[in-house]
Amino acid sequence: MAMAPLGLLSRGEKAEIVEIKGQVDYGHRTGKNHLCHAEDMGLRIGKLVEMLNNEGRGPILLKVDESRIALSRGMAMKIMVKRQ
């Protein structure tokens, strides 16, 4: 099955994280890696996630294990997943 950005999942879809791409500029913390930031939130390669809300223009809402995580759309587009 092909990979897709996490930000393209629809509500209720489940997927496995397979890759986290790129770097981001956090102002004074220029170059902080998306991988580090994602791992800080419990998003790691191999984790299963469920899209809870991906409507509108604001952040998306994911279920990871028993937690709910809000994630910016920009970051969600850097996380590659395989739909289940």
C-alpha atoms as a PDB file:
ATOM      1  CA  MET A   1       0.000   0.000   0.000  1.00  0.00           C
ATOM      2  CA  ALA A   2       1.299   3.478  -0.878  1.00  0.00           C
ATOM      3  CA  MET A   3       2.385   6.072   1.653  1.00  0.00           C
ATOM      4  CA  ALA A   4       0.456   9.315   2.124  1.00  0.00           C
ATOM      5  CA  PRO A   5       0.866  12.369   4.363  1.00  0.00           C
ATOM      6  CA  LEU A   6      -0.932  12.067   7.696  1.00  0.00           C
ATOM      7  CA  GLY A   7      -2.691  15.367   6.948  1.00  0.00           C
ATOM      8  CA  LEU A   8      -4.663  13.721   4.109  1.00  0.00           C
ATOM      9  CA  LEU A   9      -6.384  11.085   6.248  1.00  0.00           C
ATOM     10  CA  SER A  10     -10.127  11.363   6.707  1.00  0.00           C
ATOM     11  CA  ARG A  11     -11.958  11.193  10.008  1.00  0.00           C
ATOM     12  CA  GLY A  12     -11.984   7.634  11.350  1.00  0.00           C
ATOM     13  CA  GLU A  13      -9.096   6.405   9.192  1.00  0.00           C
ATOM     14  CA  LYS A  14      -6.285   4.503  10.884  1.00  0.00           C
ATOM     15  CA  ALA A  15      -2.685   4.415   9.715  1.00  0.00           C
ATOM     16  CA  GLU A  16       0.830   3.404  10.700  1.00  0.00           C
ATOM     17  CA  ILE A  17       3.578   6.042  10.815  1.00  0.00           C
ATOM     18  CA  VAL A  18       6.361   5.045   8.418  1.00  0.00           C
ATOM     19  CA  GLU A  19       8.445   8.223   8.021  1.00  0.00           C
ATOM     20  CA  ILE A  20       8.833  11.732   9.438  1.00  0.00           C
ATOM     21  CA  LYS A  21      10.369  14.220   6.993  1.00  0.00           C
ATOM     22  CA  GLY A  22      12.077  17.565   7.028  1.00  0.00           C
ATOM     23  CA  GLN A  23      13.137  20.315   9.334  1.00  0.00           C
ATOM     24  CA  VAL A  24      11.267  23.300  10.660  1.00  0.00           C
ATOM     25  CA  ASP A  25      12.261  26.794  11.744  1.00  0.00           C
ATOM     26  CA  TYR A  26      11.039  27.578  15.283  1.00  0.00           C
ATOM     27  CA  GLY A  27      12.547  31.065  15.320  1.00  0.00           C
ATOM     28  CA  HIS A  28      15.267  30.964  17.960  1.00  0.00           C
ATOM     29  CA  ARG A  29      15.436  27.152  17.654  1.00  0.00           C
ATOM     30  CA  THR A  30      16.158  27.127  13.925  1.00  0.00           C
ATOM     31  CA  GLY A  31      16.544  23.688  12.428  1.00  0.00           C
ATOM     32  CA  LYS A  32      14.825  21.670  15.144  1.00  0.00           C
ATOM     33  CA  ASN A  33      14.022  18.366  13.554  1.00  0.00           C
ATOM     34  CA  HIS A  34      10.370  17.324  12.953  1.00  0.00           C
ATOM     35  CA  LEU A  35      11.365  13.861  14.140  1.00  0.00           C
ATOM     36  CA  CYS A  36      12.393  15.194  17.578  1.00  0.00           C
ATOM     37  CA  HIS A  37       9.233  17.281  17.958  1.00  0.00           C
ATOM     38  CA  ALA A  38       6.980  14.419  16.826  1.00  0.00           C
ATOM     39  CA  GLU A  39       8.674  11.989  19.211  1.00  0.00           C
ATOM     40  CA  ASP A  40       8.158  14.472  22.056  1.00  0.00           C
ATOM     41  CA  MET A  41       4.407  14.046  21.395  1.00  0.00           C
ATOM     42  CA  GLY A  42       4.555  10.234  21.187  1.00  0.00           C
ATOM     43  CA  LEU A  43       4.509  10.046  17.373  1.00  0.00           C
ATOM     44  CA  ARG A  44       7.105   7.483  16.319  1.00  0.00           C
ATOM     45  CA  ILE A  45       7.714   5.253  13.332  1.00  0.00           C
ATOM     46  CA  GLY A  46       5.630   2.105  13.734  1.00  0.00           C
ATOM     47  CA  LYS A  47       2.924   3.776  15.856  1.00  0.00           C
ATOM     48  CA  LEU A  48      -0.706   3.340  14.837  1.00  0.00           C
ATOM     49  CA  VAL A  49      -2.786   6.527  14.786  1.00  0.00           C
ATOM     50  CA  GLU A  50      -6.456   7.275  14.218  1.00  0.00           C
ATOM     51  CA  MET A  51      -7.707  10.536  12.699  1.00  0.00           C
ATOM     52  CA  LEU A  52     -10.332  12.013  15.014  1.00  0.00           C
ATOM     53  CA  ASN A  53     -10.831  15.382  13.306  1.00  0.00           C
ATOM     54  CA  ASN A  54      -9.426  16.791  10.087  1.00  0.00           C
ATOM     55  CA  GLU A  55     -11.933  19.501   9.258  1.00  0.00           C
ATOM     56  CA  GLY A  56     -11.514  23.208   8.754  1.00  0.00           C
ATOM     57  CA  ARG A  57      -8.243  25.100   8.704  1.00  0.00           C
ATOM     58  CA  GLY A  58      -7.013  24.600  12.248  1.00  0.00           C
ATOM     59  CA  PRO A  59      -5.010  21.775  13.776  1.00  0.00           C
ATOM     60  CA  ILE A  60      -5.931  18.139  13.289  1.00  0.00           C
ATOM     61  CA  LEU A  61      -6.796  15.816  16.164  1.00  0.00           C
ATOM     62  CA  LEU A  62      -5.280  12.321  16.403  1.00  0.00           C
ATOM     63  CA  LYS A  63      -5.634   9.359  18.713  1.00  0.00           C
ATOM     64  CA  VAL A  64      -2.294   7.740  19.568  1.00  0.00           C
ATOM     65  CA  ASP A  65      -2.473   4.852  22.042  1.00  0.00           C
ATOM     66  CA  GLU A  66      -4.965   6.191  24.600  1.00  0.00           C
ATOM     67  CA  SER A  67      -4.030   9.856  24.095  1.00  0.00           C
ATOM     68  CA  ARG A  68      -5.461  12.586  21.903  1.00  0.00           C
ATOM     69  CA  ILE A  69      -2.958  14.880  20.213  1.00  0.00           C
ATOM     70  CA  ALA A  70      -3.547  18.159  18.352  1.00  0.00           C
ATOM     71  CA  LEU A  71      -1.093  18.609  15.488  1.00  0.00           C
ATOM     72  CA  SER A  72      -0.563  21.464  13.036  1.00  0.00           C
ATOM     73  CA  ARG A  73      -1.452  20.757   9.431  1.00  0.00           C
ATOM     74  CA  GLY A  74       2.054  21.671   8.299  1.00  0.00           C
ATOM     75  CA  MET A  75       3.601  19.096  10.584  1.00  0.00           C
ATOM     76  CA  ALA A  76       0.969  16.497   9.653  1.00  0.00           C
ATOM     77  CA  MET A  77       1.998  16.843   6.004  1.00  0.00           C
ATOM     78  CA  LYS A  78       5.596  15.899   6.982  1.00  0.00           C
ATOM     79  CA  ILE A  79       4.509  12.613   8.600  1.00  0.00           C
ATOM     80  CA  MET A  80       4.123   9.803   6.093  1.00  0.00           C
ATOM     81  CA  VAL A  81       1.733   6.952   6.900  1.00  0.00           C
ATOM     82  CA  LYS A  82       0.372   3.703   5.469  1.00  0.00           C
ATOM     83  CA  ARG A  83      -3.405   3.444   5.736  1.00  0.00           C
ATOM     84  CA  GLN A  84      -4.707   0.357   7.553  1.00  0.00           C
END
